[in-house]
Every structure is written in C-alpha cells, then in structure tokens.
Amino acid sequence: MPTKARATAATGPAQAREDIISAQALSTLSAGAVSAMSAVGAAVLKRHKQAMAKKPEWFWHIFAKCEAKAARIAEQAARAPQACGDAAFIESYARNLPKLMAAALKAHEKALRD
C-alpha cells in the first residue's frame, strides 16, 4: 500500500537519503503500482533521450530525485479521504513525474545560459 512507502523510505537504515526510492519502499507498493511507475519512468526517459545522452550521470541523479518526489506526492494523494488507494497513487505519479523532469531540465538549461 502506498501509505507505508514514505515511512519505510525515511526510516530504513540502509537508505538515509530521501532523494531516491529505496528497495524497501518499493516492496510496500502493489505490483500494479510498481508496474505503472516503471511504464511512466520509461516514457519520461524516452522523451528526454537527448538530455540523457549529454550528461548521463547528472540526468540519472535528477531523474532519481524527481522520481522520489513524484512518489511522495502520489503517496499523499493516495491518503486523501476520497482517494482510491493505488489508483490515486498511480494517477498522481503519472501526472507529476513528467512535470518534475521537464521543470528540472528547464531549470538546468536556464542555469547554463545565465
């Protein structure tokens, strides 16, 4: 269930950083949610192939941060009183990850120009 993922990610001894999703956090999600996260992540990667080719290490770092933030936002959405658990989680994650990546890439390009 998505509601357990944040607590697991924040308290796991092997994972002190909050900018990536831990294996423990992923294990608390349903198989459908993990599958949907993978599909959305693959679509985002496919869309930003050029940025990934330019600076792969930086890109993967930013992708991990955006992925973790999208998961946190989605988890909050899944906890809403009228939410439908995994469906709300998946919908929110799919809506936020592409936006977060686009904003991060745009900010990076702007910083390089300035």
C-alpha atoms as a PDB file:
ATOM      1  CA  MET A   1       0.000   0.000   0.000  1.00  0.00           C
ATOM      2  CA  PRO A   2       1.418   3.411  -0.884  1.00  0.00           C
ATOM      3  CA  THR A   3       0.818   4.780   2.609  1.00  0.00           C
ATOM      4  CA  LYS A   4       3.683   2.725   4.018  1.00  0.00           C
ATOM      5  CA  ALA A   5       6.239   3.652   1.370  1.00  0.00           C
ATOM      6  CA  ARG A   6       7.243   7.047   2.750  1.00  0.00           C
ATOM      7  CA  ALA A   7       7.749   5.823   6.280  1.00  0.00           C
ATOM      8  CA  THR A   8       9.848   2.929   5.066  1.00  0.00           C
ATOM      9  CA  ALA A   9      11.937   5.137   2.796  1.00  0.00           C
ATOM     10  CA  ALA A  10      12.582   7.665   5.548  1.00  0.00           C
ATOM     11  CA  THR A  11      13.445   5.211   8.339  1.00  0.00           C
ATOM     12  CA  GLY A  12      15.301   2.424   6.558  1.00  0.00           C
ATOM     13  CA  PRO A  13      18.833   2.030   7.921  1.00  0.00           C
ATOM     14  CA  ALA A  14      20.327   1.267   4.514  1.00  0.00           C
ATOM     15  CA  GLN A  15      18.685   4.291   2.921  1.00  0.00           C
ATOM     16  CA  ALA A  16      19.161   7.600   4.748  1.00  0.00           C
ATOM     17  CA  ARG A  17      18.702   9.772   1.651  1.00  0.00           C
ATOM     18  CA  GLU A  18      15.236  10.842   0.623  1.00  0.00           C
ATOM     19  CA  ASP A  19      16.104  11.713  -2.967  1.00  0.00           C
ATOM     20  CA  ILE A  20      15.820   8.128  -4.195  1.00  0.00           C
ATOM     21  CA  ILE A  21      13.247   5.400  -3.676  1.00  0.00           C
ATOM     22  CA  SER A  22      14.570   2.542  -1.580  1.00  0.00           C
ATOM     23  CA  ALA A  23      14.012  -1.114  -2.345  1.00  0.00           C
ATOM     24  CA  GLN A  24      12.083  -1.418   0.927  1.00  0.00           C
ATOM     25  CA  ALA A  25       9.729   1.392  -0.098  1.00  0.00           C
ATOM     26  CA  LEU A  26       9.105  -0.249  -3.455  1.00  0.00           C
ATOM     27  CA  SER A  27       8.368  -3.563  -1.781  1.00  0.00           C
ATOM     28  CA  THR A  28       5.464  -1.987   0.125  1.00  0.00           C
ATOM     29  CA  LEU A  29       3.730  -0.969  -3.111  1.00  0.00           C
ATOM     30  CA  SER A  30       1.417  -3.233  -5.043  1.00  0.00           C
ATOM     31  CA  ALA A  31       2.721  -4.909  -8.182  1.00  0.00           C
ATOM     32  CA  GLY A  32       0.373  -2.794 -10.283  1.00  0.00           C
ATOM     33  CA  ALA A  33       1.714   0.450  -8.815  1.00  0.00           C
ATOM     34  CA  VAL A  34       5.325  -0.598  -9.400  1.00  0.00           C
ATOM     35  CA  SER A  35       4.498  -1.635 -12.959  1.00  0.00           C
ATOM     36  CA  ALA A  36       2.801   1.697 -13.629  1.00  0.00           C
ATOM     37  CA  MET A  37       5.769   3.559 -12.140  1.00  0.00           C
ATOM     38  CA  SER A  38       8.081   1.656 -14.474  1.00  0.00           C
ATOM     39  CA  ALA A  39       5.958   2.477 -17.508  1.00  0.00           C
ATOM     40  CA  VAL A  40       5.815   6.167 -16.645  1.00  0.00           C
ATOM     41  CA  GLY A  41       9.553   6.242 -15.951  1.00  0.00           C
ATOM     42  CA  ALA A  42      10.300   4.571 -19.287  1.00  0.00           C
ATOM     43  CA  ALA A  43       8.142   7.128 -21.105  1.00  0.00           C
ATOM     44  CA  VAL A  44       9.946  10.002 -19.406  1.00  0.00           C
ATOM     45  CA  LEU A  45      13.325   8.502 -20.270  1.00  0.00           C
ATOM     46  CA  LYS A  46      12.291   8.007 -23.879  1.00  0.00           C
ATOM     47  CA  ARG A  47      11.105  11.600 -24.097  1.00  0.00           C
ATOM     48  CA  HIS A  48      14.382  13.015 -22.767  1.00  0.00           C
ATOM     49  CA  LYS A  49      16.924  10.833 -24.605  1.00  0.00           C
ATOM     50  CA  GLN A  50      18.968  13.827 -25.761  1.00  0.00           C
ATOM     51  CA  ALA A  51      19.398  15.226 -22.261  1.00  0.00           C
ATOM     52  CA  MET A  52      20.356  11.781 -21.006  1.00  0.00           C
ATOM     53  CA  ALA A  53      22.978  11.432 -23.749  1.00  0.00           C
ATOM     54  CA  LYS A  54      24.562  14.816 -22.955  1.00  0.00           C
ATOM     55  CA  LYS A  55      25.134  14.302 -19.221  1.00  0.00           C
ATOM     56  CA  PRO A  56      24.147  10.784 -18.180  1.00  0.00           C
ATOM     57  CA  GLU A  57      25.325  10.937 -14.557  1.00  0.00           C
ATOM     58  CA  TRP A  58      23.608  14.247 -13.896  1.00  0.00           C
ATOM     59  CA  PHE A  59      20.479  13.092 -15.701  1.00  0.00           C
ATOM     60  CA  TRP A  60      20.148   9.893 -13.646  1.00  0.00           C
ATOM     61  CA  HIS A  61      20.678  11.847 -10.438  1.00  0.00           C
ATOM     62  CA  ILE A  62      17.935  14.327 -11.338  1.00  0.00           C
ATOM     63  CA  PHE A  63      15.669  11.525 -12.544  1.00  0.00           C
ATOM     64  CA  ALA A  64      16.016   9.723  -9.205  1.00  0.00           C
ATOM     65  CA  LYS A  65      15.211  12.898  -7.292  1.00  0.00           C
ATOM     66  CA  CYS A  66      12.169  13.630  -9.458  1.00  0.00           C
ATOM     67  CA  GLU A  67      11.011  10.029  -9.191  1.00  0.00           C
ATOM     68  CA  ALA A  68      11.224  10.119  -5.390  1.00  0.00           C
ATOM     69  CA  LYS A  69       9.416  13.453  -5.202  1.00  0.00           C
ATOM     70  CA  ALA A  70       6.666  12.218  -7.527  1.00  0.00           C
ATOM     71  CA  ALA A  71       6.268   9.124  -5.338  1.00  0.00           C
ATOM     72  CA  ARG A  72       5.958  11.280  -2.200  1.00  0.00           C
ATOM     73  CA  ILE A  73       3.327  13.474  -3.851  1.00  0.00           C
ATOM     74  CA  ALA A  74       1.477  10.406  -5.113  1.00  0.00           C
ATOM     75  CA  GLU A  75       1.534   8.840  -1.682  1.00  0.00           C
ATOM     76  CA  GLN A  76      -0.054  11.938  -0.185  1.00  0.00           C
ATOM     77  CA  ALA A  77      -2.729  11.828  -2.875  1.00  0.00           C
ATOM     78  CA  ALA A  78      -3.402   8.169  -2.114  1.00  0.00           C
ATOM     79  CA  ARG A  79      -4.020   9.019   1.548  1.00  0.00           C
ATOM     80  CA  ALA A  80      -6.723  11.586   0.769  1.00  0.00           C
ATOM     81  CA  PRO A  81     -10.122  10.693   2.262  1.00  0.00           C
ATOM     82  CA  GLN A  82     -11.829  10.255  -1.117  1.00  0.00           C
ATOM     83  CA  ALA A  83      -8.850   8.559  -2.789  1.00  0.00           C
ATOM     84  CA  CYS A  84      -8.925   5.037  -4.148  1.00  0.00           C
ATOM     85  CA  GLY A  85      -5.531   3.835  -2.878  1.00  0.00           C
ATOM     86  CA  ASP A  86      -3.325   2.517  -5.659  1.00  0.00           C
ATOM     87  CA  ALA A  87      -5.400   4.135  -8.397  1.00  0.00           C
ATOM     88  CA  ALA A  88      -4.886   7.586  -6.878  1.00  0.00           C
ATOM     89  CA  PHE A  89      -1.204   6.826  -6.344  1.00  0.00           C
ATOM     90  CA  ILE A  90      -0.673   5.785  -9.965  1.00  0.00           C
ATOM     91  CA  GLU A  91      -2.666   8.698 -11.371  1.00  0.00           C
ATOM     92  CA  SER A  92      -0.799  11.266  -9.299  1.00  0.00           C
ATOM     93  CA  TYR A  93       2.600   9.716 -10.028  1.00  0.00           C
ATOM     94  CA  ALA A  94       1.910   9.636 -13.769  1.00  0.00           C
ATOM     95  CA  ARG A  95       0.822  13.265 -13.690  1.00  0.00           C
ATOM     96  CA  ASN A  96       3.761  14.579 -11.640  1.00  0.00           C
ATOM     97  CA  LEU A  97       6.890  12.750 -12.830  1.00  0.00           C
ATOM     98  CA  PRO A  98       6.883  14.214 -16.374  1.00  0.00           C
ATOM     99  CA  LYS A  99       6.214  17.708 -14.992  1.00  0.00           C
ATOM    100  CA  LEU A 100       9.004  17.449 -12.439  1.00  0.00           C
ATOM    101  CA  MET A 101      11.522  16.211 -15.017  1.00  0.00           C
ATOM    102  CA  ALA A 102      10.581  18.919 -17.514  1.00  0.00           C
ATOM    103  CA  ALA A 103      10.926  21.594 -14.836  1.00  0.00           C
ATOM    104  CA  ALA A 104      14.310  20.238 -13.705  1.00  0.00           C
ATOM    105  CA  LEU A 105      15.658  20.107 -17.251  1.00  0.00           C
ATOM    106  CA  LYS A 106      14.353  23.601 -17.996  1.00  0.00           C
ATOM    107  CA  ALA A 107      15.950  24.976 -14.815  1.00  0.00           C
ATOM    108  CA  HIS A 108      19.240  23.296 -15.719  1.00  0.00           C
ATOM    109  CA  GLU A 109      19.236  24.761 -19.225  1.00  0.00           C
ATOM    110  CA  LYS A 110      18.418  28.208 -17.834  1.00  0.00           C
ATOM    111  CA  ALA A 111      21.274  27.953 -15.330  1.00  0.00           C
ATOM    112  CA  LEU A 112      23.684  27.036 -18.118  1.00  0.00           C
ATOM    113  CA  ARG A 113      22.617  30.063 -20.177  1.00  0.00           C
ATOM    114  CA  ASP A 114      22.978  32.528 -17.285  1.00  0.00           C
END
